[in-house]
């Protein structure tokens, strides 16, 4: 079968490898669509394990099930995940599912979503594979995992209806935060980015105001927000200038959520005196858990969060190199999907 083998962002090759064999506790999926995630083109993060087949925002049709599988059958339309929590360890029992060591270390996909066929095993069948409602297309289904991460982030940040939000970084994740926050009753939403096309999309998808990130973001937020900074700041880029601006953009009693983080060798300087005096919280959010995916499916199915208009480009697997080049550049695209 054909796969898209990742060597680096500018070297993704279509190669042939054997189709995975299905064991008694496995399912085989004919991949229909797989989204290119921002983490897929985070080269410093991915290249240390290259070459490998990426792709974790996957939908497809089950074509074969193992002898011990009763939950699914050939012909089922599904969404599936490569990382799932064990739901048994002390970390999971405290509700920190994405900090689970099983979640972070065990990959239940062979080889990955950028392939013609995908073998899924283990708990990725039990809690990580869900049937797609008929209202959700394969392409829309690739948003279930990314939207799940956004819903988890908003819950971690403690967003409640009426809160003002500043989303710093209006790439795909930032735009999904805007859509989800709008659907959940956020008050004023302000988006900041350095790319005009992303700011245009942010306004189209629900932001009340947009800011060129080359400006002084905290000052502009105050001008927009009647002298107040944001209740919640969502950081959706690891670029240090954005980090430094975001840290100054959250108001008293507010929260800054690091949804994206700087590179490992970079250090963030925080004036904790002002955070301490003003009761400001710093939170982080990584990944998504089964609950988040159930919520994401329902929000997409019901139309509360529309994702179809975020798909800017689709490429066949044969042209995956073009898809990665476009996603890595990020200037003239939103969501890039690979169709096998």
C-alpha atoms as a PDB file:
ATOM      1  CA  UNK A   1       0.000   0.000   0.000  1.00  0.00           C
ATOM      2  CA  UNK A   2       1.041   3.639  -0.418  1.00  0.00           C
ATOM      3  CA  UNK A   3       2.006   5.853   2.493  1.00  0.00           C
ATOM      4  CA  UNK A   4       3.316   9.398   2.921  1.00  0.00           C
ATOM      5  CA  UNK A   5       6.702   8.917   4.618  1.00  0.00           C
ATOM      6  CA  UNK A   6       7.848  11.985   6.551  1.00  0.00           C
ATOM      7  CA  UNK A   7      11.567  12.856   6.545  1.00  0.00           C
ATOM      8  CA  UNK A   8      11.164  16.583   7.148  1.00  0.00           C
ATOM      9  CA  UNK A   9       8.678  19.313   6.216  1.00  0.00           C
ATOM     10  CA  UNK A  10      10.100  19.648   2.709  1.00  0.00           C
ATOM     11  CA  UNK A  11      10.710  15.931   2.163  1.00  0.00           C
ATOM     12  CA  UNK A  12       7.572  13.793   2.397  1.00  0.00           C
ATOM     13  CA  UNK A  13       7.737  10.856   0.004  1.00  0.00           C
ATOM     14  CA  UNK A  14       5.073   8.508  -1.326  1.00  0.00           C
ATOM     15  CA  UNK A  15       6.436   5.035  -0.604  1.00  0.00           C
ATOM     16  CA  UNK A  16       5.178   1.457  -0.704  1.00  0.00           C
ATOM     17  CA  UNK A  17       5.021  -0.665   2.450  1.00  0.00           C
ATOM     18  CA  UNK A  18       3.101  -3.887   3.240  1.00  0.00           C
ATOM     19  CA  UNK A  19      -0.544  -3.541   4.225  1.00  0.00           C
ATOM     20  CA  UNK A  20      -0.891  -4.236   7.987  1.00  0.00           C
ATOM     21  CA  UNK A  21      -2.114  -7.659   9.051  1.00  0.00           C
ATOM     22  CA  UNK A  22      -5.142  -7.758  11.349  1.00  0.00           C
ATOM     23  CA  UNK A  23      -4.930  -9.692  14.624  1.00  0.00           C
ATOM     24  CA  UNK A  24      -7.855 -10.846  16.766  1.00  0.00           C
ATOM     25  CA  UNK A  25      -8.028  -7.499  18.657  1.00  0.00           C
ATOM     26  CA  UNK A  26      -7.430  -5.196  15.689  1.00  0.00           C
ATOM     27  CA  UNK A  27      -9.445  -3.356  13.071  1.00  0.00           C
ATOM     28  CA  UNK A  28      -8.323  -2.304   9.592  1.00  0.00           C
ATOM     29  CA  UNK A  29      -9.549   1.026   8.254  1.00  0.00           C
ATOM     30  CA  UNK A  30      -9.533   2.210   4.667  1.00  0.00           C
ATOM     31  CA  UNK A  31      -8.459   5.797   5.233  1.00  0.00           C
ATOM     32  CA  UNK A  32     -10.722   8.356   3.588  1.00  0.00           C
ATOM     33  CA  UNK A  33      -9.360  11.621   4.989  1.00  0.00           C
ATOM     34  CA  UNK A  34      -6.565  12.716   7.306  1.00  0.00           C
ATOM     35  CA  UNK A  35      -5.901  16.305   8.324  1.00  0.00           C
ATOM     36  CA  UNK A  36      -2.446  17.836   8.544  1.00  0.00           C
ATOM     37  CA  UNK A  37      -2.133  19.082  12.118  1.00  0.00           C
ATOM     38  CA  UNK A  38       0.016  22.013  13.196  1.00  0.00           C
ATOM     39  CA  UNK A  39       2.061  19.550  15.237  1.00  0.00           C
ATOM     40  CA  UNK A  40       2.732  17.502  12.088  1.00  0.00           C
ATOM     41  CA  UNK A  41       4.700  20.429  10.636  1.00  0.00           C
ATOM     42  CA  UNK A  42       6.377  21.313  13.946  1.00  0.00           C
ATOM     43  CA  UNK A  43       9.687  20.137  12.510  1.00  0.00           C
ATOM     44  CA  UNK A  44      11.805  20.341  15.687  1.00  0.00           C
ATOM     45  CA  UNK A  45       9.237  18.064  17.352  1.00  0.00           C
ATOM     46  CA  UNK A  46       8.840  15.530  14.529  1.00  0.00           C
ATOM     47  CA  UNK A  47      12.222  15.233  12.858  1.00  0.00           C
ATOM     48  CA  UNK A  48      13.884  13.384  15.744  1.00  0.00           C
ATOM     49  CA  UNK A  49      11.695  10.332  14.983  1.00  0.00           C
ATOM     50  CA  UNK A  50      11.838  10.534  11.186  1.00  0.00           C
ATOM     51  CA  UNK A  51      11.318   8.733   8.912  1.00  0.00           C
ATOM     52  CA  UNK A  52       7.787   7.892   9.950  1.00  0.00           C
ATOM     53  CA  UNK A  53       4.194   7.996   8.749  1.00  0.00           C
ATOM     54  CA  UNK A  54       2.294  10.789  10.476  1.00  0.00           C
ATOM     55  CA  UNK A  55      -1.427  11.514  10.523  1.00  0.00           C
ATOM     56  CA  UNK A  56      -3.658  11.383  13.605  1.00  0.00           C
ATOM     57  CA  UNK A  57      -6.788  13.297  12.515  1.00  0.00           C
ATOM     58  CA  UNK A  58      -8.218  10.284  10.712  1.00  0.00           C
ATOM     59  CA  UNK A  59     -11.551   9.143   9.338  1.00  0.00           C
ATOM     60  CA  UNK A  60     -12.323   6.132   7.197  1.00  0.00           C
ATOM     61  CA  UNK A  61     -14.318   2.980   6.603  1.00  0.00           C
ATOM     62  CA  UNK A  62     -13.670  -0.238   8.493  1.00  0.00           C
ATOM     63  CA  UNK A  63     -12.854  -3.014   6.020  1.00  0.00           C
ATOM     64  CA  UNK A  64     -11.751  -5.801   8.368  1.00  0.00           C
ATOM     65  CA  UNK A  65     -12.229  -6.633  12.046  1.00  0.00           C
ATOM     66  CA  UNK A  66     -10.417  -9.132  14.265  1.00  0.00           C
ATOM     67  CA  UNK A  67     -12.177 -12.233  15.572  1.00  0.00           C
ATOM     68  CA  UNK A  68     -12.572 -10.757  19.070  1.00  0.00           C
ATOM     69  CA  UNK A  69     -14.034  -7.428  17.961  1.00  0.00           C
ATOM     70  CA  UNK A  70     -17.794  -7.088  18.449  1.00  0.00           C
ATOM     71  CA  UNK A  71     -18.137  -3.306  18.692  1.00  0.00           C
ATOM     72  CA  UNK A  72     -17.501  -2.625  14.992  1.00  0.00           C
ATOM     73  CA  UNK A  73     -18.154  -4.269  11.636  1.00  0.00           C
ATOM     74  CA  UNK A  74     -16.940  -3.825   8.061  1.00  0.00           C
ATOM     75  CA  UNK A  75     -18.654  -0.853   6.466  1.00  0.00           C
ATOM     76  CA  UNK A  76     -18.736   1.293   9.609  1.00  0.00           C
ATOM     77  CA  UNK A  77     -17.768   4.933   9.046  1.00  0.00           C
ATOM     78  CA  UNK A  78     -15.431   5.929  11.877  1.00  0.00           C
ATOM     79  CA  UNK A  79     -13.115   8.497  13.391  1.00  0.00           C
ATOM     80  CA  UNK A  80     -10.116   7.130  15.297  1.00  0.00           C
ATOM     81  CA  UNK A  81      -7.269   8.278  17.568  1.00  0.00           C
ATOM     82  CA  UNK A  82      -3.725   7.014  18.023  1.00  0.00           C
ATOM     83  CA  UNK A  83      -3.310   8.180  21.661  1.00  0.00           C
ATOM     84  CA  UNK A  84      -5.857   7.384  24.377  1.00  0.00           C
ATOM     85  CA  UNK A  85      -5.536   7.422  28.177  1.00  0.00           C
ATOM     86  CA  UNK A  86      -5.574   4.220  30.225  1.00  0.00           C
ATOM     87  CA  UNK A  87      -8.327   5.665  32.491  1.00  0.00           C
ATOM     88  CA  UNK A  88      -6.968   3.572  35.380  1.00  0.00           C
ATOM     89  CA  UNK A  89      -3.735   5.204  36.603  1.00  0.00           C
ATOM     90  CA  UNK A  90      -3.660   7.819  39.412  1.00  0.00           C
ATOM     91  CA  UNK A  91      -3.141  10.586  36.830  1.00  0.00           C
ATOM     92  CA  UNK A  92      -6.258   9.587  34.879  1.00  0.00           C
ATOM     93  CA  UNK A  93      -8.315   9.139  38.057  1.00  0.00           C
ATOM     94  CA  UNK A  94      -7.505  12.750  38.950  1.00  0.00           C
ATOM     95  CA  UNK A  95      -8.860  13.835  35.558  1.00  0.00           C
ATOM     96  CA  UNK A  96      -5.502  14.637  33.928  1.00  0.00           C
ATOM     97  CA  UNK A  97      -6.034  12.198  31.063  1.00  0.00           C
ATOM     98  CA  UNK A  98      -3.555  13.680  28.612  1.00  0.00           C
ATOM     99  CA  UNK A  99      -0.763  13.519  31.214  1.00  0.00           C
ATOM    100  CA  UNK A 100      -1.252   9.730  31.393  1.00  0.00           C
ATOM    101  CA  UNK A 101       1.971   7.919  30.483  1.00  0.00           C
ATOM    102  CA  UNK A 102       0.018   5.435  28.342  1.00  0.00           C
ATOM    103  CA  UNK A 103      -1.523   8.349  26.458  1.00  0.00           C
ATOM    104  CA  UNK A 104       1.850   9.970  25.844  1.00  0.00           C
ATOM    105  CA  UNK A 105       3.929   6.893  25.031  1.00  0.00           C
ATOM    106  CA  UNK A 106       1.698   4.271  23.369  1.00  0.00           C
ATOM    107  CA  UNK A 107       0.816   4.680  19.679  1.00  0.00           C
ATOM    108  CA  UNK A 108      -2.012   2.375  18.615  1.00  0.00           C
ATOM    109  CA  UNK A 109      -1.736   3.112  14.877  1.00  0.00           C
ATOM    110  CA  UNK A 110       0.147   1.170  12.216  1.00  0.00           C
ATOM    111  CA  UNK A 111       1.539   2.967  10.354  1.00  0.00           C
ATOM    112  CA  UNK A 112      -0.266   6.370  10.577  1.00  0.00           C
ATOM    113  CA  UNK A 113      -3.123   8.271   9.016  1.00  0.00           C
ATOM    114  CA  UNK A 114      -1.265   9.331   5.869  1.00  0.00           C
ATOM    115  CA  UNK A 115      -1.656   5.893   4.331  1.00  0.00           C
ATOM    116  CA  UNK A 116      -4.131   3.890   2.305  1.00  0.00           C
ATOM    117  CA  UNK A 117      -4.907   1.503   5.163  1.00  0.00           C
ATOM    118  CA  UNK A 118      -4.558   1.876   8.921  1.00  0.00           C
ATOM    119  CA  UNK A 119      -4.440  -0.843  11.566  1.00  0.00           C
ATOM    120  CA  UNK A 120      -5.857   0.234  14.931  1.00  0.00           C
ATOM    121  CA  UNK A 121      -5.400  -1.764  18.110  1.00  0.00           C
ATOM    122  CA  UNK A 122      -5.694  -1.665  21.913  1.00  0.00           C
ATOM    123  CA  UNK A 123      -7.670   1.027  23.706  1.00  0.00           C
ATOM    124  CA  UNK A 124      -7.760   3.065  20.523  1.00  0.00           C
ATOM    125  CA  UNK A 125     -10.535   0.661  19.563  1.00  0.00           C
ATOM    126  CA  UNK A 126     -12.263   0.690  22.948  1.00  0.00           C
ATOM    127  CA  UNK A 127     -12.401   4.450  23.578  1.00  0.00           C
ATOM    128  CA  UNK A 128     -10.576   6.045  20.649  1.00  0.00           C
ATOM    129  CA  UNK A 129     -12.690   4.891  17.707  1.00  0.00           C
ATOM    130  CA  UNK A 130     -16.169   6.373  17.316  1.00  0.00           C
ATOM    131  CA  UNK A 131     -18.785   5.935  14.627  1.00  0.00           C
ATOM    132  CA  UNK A 132     -19.376   9.007  12.488  1.00  0.00           C
ATOM    133  CA  UNK A 133     -22.965  10.269  12.489  1.00  0.00           C
ATOM    134  CA  UNK A 134     -24.426  10.414   8.974  1.00  0.00           C
ATOM    135  CA  UNK A 135     -24.518  14.225   9.201  1.00  0.00           C
ATOM    136  CA  UNK A 136     -20.685  14.388   9.396  1.00  0.00           C
ATOM    137  CA  UNK A 137     -18.627  13.835   6.252  1.00  0.00           C
ATOM    138  CA  UNK A 138     -15.229  12.151   6.323  1.00  0.00           C
ATOM    139  CA  UNK A 139     -13.575  15.526   5.748  1.00  0.00           C
ATOM    140  CA  UNK A 140     -15.521  17.209   8.565  1.00  0.00           C
ATOM    141  CA  UNK A 141     -14.700  14.270  10.826  1.00  0.00           C
ATOM    142  CA  UNK A 142     -11.004  15.111  10.675  1.00  0.00           C
ATOM    143  CA  UNK A 143     -11.852  18.112  12.897  1.00  0.00           C
ATOM    144  CA  UNK A 144     -13.092  15.963  15.792  1.00  0.00           C
ATOM    145  CA  UNK A 145      -9.673  15.611  17.403  1.00  0.00           C
ATOM    146  CA  UNK A 146      -8.553  19.231  16.933  1.00  0.00           C
ATOM    147  CA  UNK A 147     -11.912  20.563  18.125  1.00  0.00           C
ATOM    148  CA  UNK A 148     -11.654  18.217  21.110  1.00  0.00           C
ATOM    149  CA  UNK A 149      -8.332  19.808  22.061  1.00  0.00           C
ATOM    150  CA  UNK A 150      -9.932  23.260  21.857  1.00  0.00           C
ATOM    151  CA  UNK A 151     -12.902  22.274  24.042  1.00  0.00           C
ATOM    152  CA  UNK A 152     -10.503  20.824  26.603  1.00  0.00           C
ATOM    153  CA  UNK A 153      -8.501  24.061  26.484  1.00  0.00           C
ATOM    154  CA  UNK A 154     -11.557  26.243  27.075  1.00  0.00           C
ATOM    155  CA  UNK A 155     -12.631  24.059  29.989  1.00  0.00           C
ATOM    156  CA  UNK A 156      -9.119  24.211  31.458  1.00  0.00           C
ATOM    157  CA  UNK A 157      -9.101  27.996  31.124  1.00  0.00           C
ATOM    158  CA  UNK A 158     -12.434  28.129  32.965  1.00  0.00           C
ATOM    159  CA  UNK A 159     -14.264  30.040  30.264  1.00  0.00           C
ATOM    160  CA  UNK A 160     -17.813  30.976  31.178  1.00  0.00           C
ATOM    161  CA  UNK A 161     -20.449  32.800  29.112  1.00  0.00           C
ATOM    162  CA  UNK A 162     -19.701  36.494  28.826  1.00  0.00           C
ATOM    163  CA  UNK A 163     -15.927  36.210  29.344  1.00  0.00           C
ATOM    164  CA  UNK A 164     -13.788  38.347  27.063  1.00  0.00           C
ATOM    165  CA  UNK A 165     -11.155  36.380  25.141  1.00  0.00           C
ATOM    166  CA  UNK A 166      -7.958  37.360  23.401  1.00  0.00           C
ATOM    167  CA  UNK A 167      -6.726  34.679  20.990  1.00  0.00           C
ATOM    168  CA  UNK A 168      -3.069  35.289  20.148  1.00  0.00           C
ATOM    169  CA  UNK A 169      -2.234  33.373  16.976  1.00  0.00           C
ATOM    170  CA  UNK A 170      -5.044  32.927  14.449  1.00  0.00           C
ATOM    171  CA  UNK A 171      -3.926  29.757  12.730  1.00  0.00           C
ATOM    172  CA  UNK A 172      -6.244  26.765  12.563  1.00  0.00           C
ATOM    173  CA  UNK A 173      -6.257  26.229  16.340  1.00  0.00           C
ATOM    174  CA  UNK A 174      -6.839  29.899  17.075  1.00  0.00           C
ATOM    175  CA  UNK A 175      -9.720  29.999  14.614  1.00  0.00           C
ATOM    176  CA  UNK A 176     -11.267  26.902  16.171  1.00  0.00           C
ATOM    177  CA  UNK A 177     -10.996  28.559  19.585  1.00  0.00           C
ATOM    178  CA  UNK A 178     -12.908  31.528  18.179  1.00  0.00           C
ATOM    179  CA  UNK A 179     -15.649  29.325  16.732  1.00  0.00           C
ATOM    180  CA  UNK A 180     -15.981  27.166  19.842  1.00  0.00           C
ATOM    181  CA  UNK A 181     -15.877  30.100  22.260  1.00  0.00           C
ATOM    182  CA  UNK A 182     -18.533  31.906  20.232  1.00  0.00           C
ATOM    183  CA  UNK A 183     -20.737  28.774  20.310  1.00  0.00           C
ATOM    184  CA  UNK A 184     -20.277  28.491  24.102  1.00  0.00           C
ATOM    185  CA  UNK A 185     -21.338  32.053  24.792  1.00  0.00           C
ATOM    186  CA  UNK A 186     -18.114  34.036  25.067  1.00  0.00           C
ATOM    187  CA  UNK A 187     -18.398  37.802  25.246  1.00  0.00           C
ATOM    188  CA  UNK A 188     -16.029  39.980  23.265  1.00  0.00           C
ATOM    189  CA  UNK A 189     -13.482  37.945  21.257  1.00  0.00           C
ATOM    190  CA  UNK A 190     -10.289  39.628  20.053  1.00  0.00           C
ATOM    191  CA  UNK A 191      -7.825  37.899  17.707  1.00  0.00           C
ATOM    192  CA  UNK A 192      -4.216  38.837  17.019  1.00  0.00           C
ATOM    193  CA  UNK A 193      -1.907  37.618  14.267  1.00  0.00           C
ATOM    194  CA  UNK A 194       0.728  38.966  11.895  1.00  0.00           C
ATOM    195  CA  UNK A 195      -0.933  37.604   8.734  1.00  0.00           C
ATOM    196  CA  UNK A 196      -3.780  39.642   7.179  1.00  0.00           C
ATOM    197  CA  UNK A 197      -5.420  36.523   5.702  1.00  0.00           C
ATOM    198  CA  UNK A 198      -5.688  34.941   9.146  1.00  0.00           C
ATOM    199  CA  UNK A 199      -7.122  38.104  10.640  1.00  0.00           C
ATOM    200  CA  UNK A 200      -9.709  38.222   7.860  1.00  0.00           C
ATOM    201  CA  UNK A 201     -10.644  34.603   8.664  1.00  0.00           C
ATOM    202  CA  UNK A 202     -10.808  35.386  12.392  1.00  0.00           C
ATOM    203  CA  UNK A 203     -13.339  38.138  11.739  1.00  0.00           C
ATOM    204  CA  UNK A 204     -15.321  35.895   9.440  1.00  0.00           C
ATOM    205  CA  UNK A 205     -15.413  33.087  12.017  1.00  0.00           C
ATOM    206  CA  UNK A 206     -16.620  35.138  14.969  1.00  0.00           C
ATOM    207  CA  UNK A 207     -13.987  37.511  16.361  1.00  0.00           C
ATOM    208  CA  UNK A 208     -15.387  40.923  17.234  1.00  0.00           C
ATOM    209  CA  UNK A 209     -12.050  42.658  16.701  1.00  0.00           C
ATOM    210  CA  UNK A 210      -8.724  41.754  15.084  1.00  0.00           C
ATOM    211  CA  UNK A 211      -5.269  43.131  15.858  1.00  0.00           C
ATOM    212  CA  UNK A 212      -2.105  43.181  13.793  1.00  0.00           C
ATOM    213  CA  UNK A 213       0.277  41.465  16.216  1.00  0.00           C
ATOM    214  CA  UNK A 214       3.030  43.889  15.241  1.00  0.00           C
ATOM    215  CA  UNK A 215       1.133  46.471  17.280  1.00  0.00           C
ATOM    216  CA  UNK A 216       1.167  46.688  21.091  1.00  0.00           C
ATOM    217  CA  UNK A 217      -1.502  44.064  21.747  1.00  0.00           C
ATOM    218  CA  UNK A 218      -2.277  44.926  25.410  1.00  0.00           C
ATOM    219  CA  UNK A 219      -2.780  48.612  24.580  1.00  0.00           C
ATOM    220  CA  UNK A 220      -5.091  47.827  21.666  1.00  0.00           C
ATOM    221  CA  UNK A 221      -7.096  45.387  23.828  1.00  0.00           C
ATOM    222  CA  UNK A 222      -7.587  48.138  26.413  1.00  0.00           C
ATOM    223  CA  UNK A 223      -8.785  50.522  23.723  1.00  0.00           C
ATOM    224  CA  UNK A 224     -11.240  47.937  22.439  1.00  0.00           C
ATOM    225  CA  UNK A 225     -12.321  46.649  25.850  1.00  0.00           C
ATOM    226  CA  UNK A 226     -13.195  49.936  27.569  1.00  0.00           C
ATOM    227  CA  UNK A 227      -9.899  50.091  29.458  1.00  0.00           C
ATOM    228  CA  UNK A 228      -9.852  46.431  30.521  1.00  0.00           C
ATOM    229  CA  UNK A 229      -7.528  43.622  29.507  1.00  0.00           C
ATOM    230  CA  UNK A 230      -8.907  40.193  28.563  1.00  0.00           C
ATOM    231  CA  UNK A 231     -10.512  37.779  31.007  1.00  0.00           C
ATOM    232  CA  UNK A 232      -8.870  34.884  29.191  1.00  0.00           C
ATOM    233  CA  UNK A 233      -5.874  34.916  26.854  1.00  0.00           C
ATOM    234  CA  UNK A 234      -5.391  31.877  24.627  1.00  0.00           C
ATOM    235  CA  UNK A 235      -1.851  31.526  23.282  1.00  0.00           C
ATOM    236  CA  UNK A 236      -1.950  29.605  19.992  1.00  0.00           C
ATOM    237  CA  UNK A 237       1.596  30.263  18.824  1.00  0.00           C
ATOM    238  CA  UNK A 238       4.958  29.525  20.386  1.00  0.00           C
ATOM    239  CA  UNK A 239       6.643  32.572  18.842  1.00  0.00           C
ATOM    240  CA  UNK A 240       8.388  34.435  21.660  1.00  0.00           C
ATOM    241  CA  UNK A 241       7.193  37.940  20.675  1.00  0.00           C
ATOM    242  CA  UNK A 242       3.620  36.642  20.853  1.00  0.00           C
ATOM    243  CA  UNK A 243       4.270  34.943  24.193  1.00  0.00           C
ATOM    244  CA  UNK A 244       5.597  38.162  25.695  1.00  0.00           C
ATOM    245  CA  UNK A 245       2.635  40.178  24.424  1.00  0.00           C
ATOM    246  CA  UNK A 246       0.133  37.576  25.601  1.00  0.00           C
ATOM    247  CA  UNK A 247       1.542  37.606  29.144  1.00  0.00           C
ATOM    248  CA  UNK A 248       0.730  41.328  29.350  1.00  0.00           C
ATOM    249  CA  UNK A 249      -2.765  41.000  27.875  1.00  0.00           C
ATOM    250  CA  UNK A 250      -4.635  39.256  30.713  1.00  0.00           C
ATOM    251  CA  UNK A 251      -6.558  41.294  33.257  1.00  0.00           C
ATOM    252  CA  UNK A 252      -7.015  40.927  37.040  1.00  0.00           C
ATOM    253  CA  UNK A 253      -8.586  37.618  38.007  1.00  0.00           C
ATOM    254  CA  UNK A 254      -7.972  36.303  34.513  1.00  0.00           C
ATOM    255  CA  UNK A 255      -6.229  33.308  33.005  1.00  0.00           C
ATOM    256  CA  UNK A 256      -3.631  32.836  30.307  1.00  0.00           C
ATOM    257  CA  UNK A 257      -3.730  29.440  28.621  1.00  0.00           C
ATOM    258  CA  UNK A 258      -0.601  28.118  26.952  1.00  0.00           C
ATOM    259  CA  UNK A 259      -2.203  26.009  24.226  1.00  0.00           C
ATOM    260  CA  UNK A 260       1.010  26.368  22.203  1.00  0.00           C
ATOM    261  CA  UNK A 261       4.454  26.597  23.783  1.00  0.00           C
ATOM    262  CA  UNK A 262       7.878  27.926  22.753  1.00  0.00           C
ATOM    263  CA  UNK A 263      10.678  25.615  21.642  1.00  0.00           C
ATOM    264  CA  UNK A 264      12.289  23.568  24.452  1.00  0.00           C
ATOM    265  CA  UNK A 265      15.465  25.659  24.539  1.00  0.00           C
ATOM    266  CA  UNK A 266      13.535  28.938  24.840  1.00  0.00           C
ATOM    267  CA  UNK A 267      12.717  30.388  28.242  1.00  0.00           C
ATOM    268  CA  UNK A 268       9.704  32.488  29.170  1.00  0.00           C
ATOM    269  CA  UNK A 269      10.226  35.329  31.646  1.00  0.00           C
ATOM    270  CA  UNK A 270       7.201  36.044  33.844  1.00  0.00           C
ATOM    271  CA  UNK A 271       6.794  38.930  36.288  1.00  0.00           C
ATOM    272  CA  UNK A 272       5.089  36.891  38.996  1.00  0.00           C
ATOM    273  CA  UNK A 273       4.694  39.917  41.247  1.00  0.00           C
ATOM    274  CA  UNK A 274       2.002  41.390  39.011  1.00  0.00           C
ATOM    275  CA  UNK A 275       0.397  37.986  38.512  1.00  0.00           C
ATOM    276  CA  UNK A 276       0.385  37.435  42.276  1.00  0.00           C
ATOM    277  CA  UNK A 277      -1.111  40.822  43.076  1.00  0.00           C
ATOM    278  CA  UNK A 278      -3.759  40.562  40.367  1.00  0.00           C
ATOM    279  CA  UNK A 279      -4.782  36.941  40.991  1.00  0.00           C
ATOM    280  CA  UNK A 280      -3.875  35.868  37.449  1.00  0.00           C
ATOM    281  CA  UNK A 281      -3.579  32.158  36.629  1.00  0.00           C
ATOM    282  CA  UNK A 282      -1.296  30.438  34.133  1.00  0.00           C
ATOM    283  CA  UNK A 283      -2.721  27.224  32.699  1.00  0.00           C
ATOM    284  CA  UNK A 284      -1.585  24.731  30.078  1.00  0.00           C
ATOM    285  CA  UNK A 285      -3.575  22.384  27.876  1.00  0.00           C
ATOM    286  CA  UNK A 286      -2.242  19.470  25.847  1.00  0.00           C
ATOM    287  CA  UNK A 287      -4.206  17.029  23.743  1.00  0.00           C
ATOM    288  CA  UNK A 288      -7.737  15.746  24.199  1.00  0.00           C
ATOM    289  CA  UNK A 289      -9.494  12.844  25.920  1.00  0.00           C
ATOM    290  CA  UNK A 290     -12.566  10.723  25.050  1.00  0.00           C
ATOM    291  CA  UNK A 291     -15.037  13.130  26.692  1.00  0.00           C
ATOM    292  CA  UNK A 292     -13.730  15.956  24.523  1.00  0.00           C
ATOM    293  CA  UNK A 293     -14.337  13.944  21.360  1.00  0.00           C
ATOM    294  CA  UNK A 294     -17.941  13.125  22.276  1.00  0.00           C
ATOM    295  CA  UNK A 295     -18.543  16.844  22.766  1.00  0.00           C
ATOM    296  CA  UNK A 296     -16.749  17.720  19.529  1.00  0.00           C
ATOM    297  CA  UNK A 297     -18.790  15.232  17.513  1.00  0.00           C
ATOM    298  CA  UNK A 298     -22.041  16.629  18.858  1.00  0.00           C
ATOM    299  CA  UNK A 299     -21.029  20.245  18.223  1.00  0.00           C
ATOM    300  CA  UNK A 300     -20.106  19.426  14.616  1.00  0.00           C
ATOM    301  CA  UNK A 301     -23.155  17.199  14.057  1.00  0.00           C
ATOM    302  CA  UNK A 302     -25.557  19.826  15.402  1.00  0.00           C
ATOM    303  CA  UNK A 303     -23.972  22.638  13.411  1.00  0.00           C
ATOM    304  CA  UNK A 304     -23.054  24.619  16.538  1.00  0.00           C
ATOM    305  CA  UNK A 305     -19.477  24.622  15.238  1.00  0.00           C
ATOM    306  CA  UNK A 306     -19.255  24.604  11.445  1.00  0.00           C
ATOM    307  CA  UNK A 307     -15.944  23.259  10.185  1.00  0.00           C
ATOM    308  CA  UNK A 308     -16.524  22.724   6.477  1.00  0.00           C
ATOM    309  CA  UNK A 309     -15.655  26.337   5.726  1.00  0.00           C
ATOM    310  CA  UNK A 310     -12.230  25.863   7.345  1.00  0.00           C
ATOM    311  CA  UNK A 311     -11.067  23.331   4.744  1.00  0.00           C
ATOM    312  CA  UNK A 312      -8.972  25.352   2.335  1.00  0.00           C
ATOM    313  CA  UNK A 313      -7.192  22.576   0.440  1.00  0.00           C
ATOM    314  CA  UNK A 314      -7.487  18.834  -0.183  1.00  0.00           C
ATOM    315  CA  UNK A 315      -4.805  16.721  -1.840  1.00  0.00           C
ATOM    316  CA  UNK A 316      -4.700  13.066  -2.837  1.00  0.00           C
ATOM    317  CA  UNK A 317      -2.114  10.959  -1.009  1.00  0.00           C
ATOM    318  CA  UNK A 318       0.009  11.032  -4.148  1.00  0.00           C
ATOM    319  CA  UNK A 319       0.416  14.800  -3.681  1.00  0.00           C
ATOM    320  CA  UNK A 320       1.073  14.777   0.071  1.00  0.00           C
ATOM    321  CA  UNK A 321       4.369  16.646  -0.410  1.00  0.00           C
ATOM    322  CA  UNK A 322       2.427  19.637  -1.784  1.00  0.00           C
ATOM    323  CA  UNK A 323       0.068  19.472   1.166  1.00  0.00           C
ATOM    324  CA  UNK A 324       2.907  19.510   3.683  1.00  0.00           C
ATOM    325  CA  UNK A 325       4.662  22.330   1.871  1.00  0.00           C
ATOM    326  CA  UNK A 326       1.496  24.418   2.011  1.00  0.00           C
ATOM    327  CA  UNK A 327       0.694  23.554   5.648  1.00  0.00           C
ATOM    328  CA  UNK A 328       4.260  24.255   6.781  1.00  0.00           C
ATOM    329  CA  UNK A 329       4.261  27.620   5.042  1.00  0.00           C
ATOM    330  CA  UNK A 330       0.860  28.413   6.530  1.00  0.00           C
ATOM    331  CA  UNK A 331       0.322  31.682   4.694  1.00  0.00           C
ATOM    332  CA  UNK A 332      -2.377  30.911   2.172  1.00  0.00           C
ATOM    333  CA  UNK A 333      -4.234  28.031   3.765  1.00  0.00           C
ATOM    334  CA  UNK A 334      -6.361  27.037   6.720  1.00  0.00           C
ATOM    335  CA  UNK A 335      -6.947  23.288   6.964  1.00  0.00           C
ATOM    336  CA  UNK A 336      -5.152  20.983   4.546  1.00  0.00           C
ATOM    337  CA  UNK A 337      -6.575  17.473   4.202  1.00  0.00           C
ATOM    338  CA  UNK A 338      -5.018  14.423   2.592  1.00  0.00           C
ATOM    339  CA  UNK A 339      -7.461  12.012   0.961  1.00  0.00           C
ATOM    340  CA  UNK A 340      -6.317   8.427   0.503  1.00  0.00           C
END
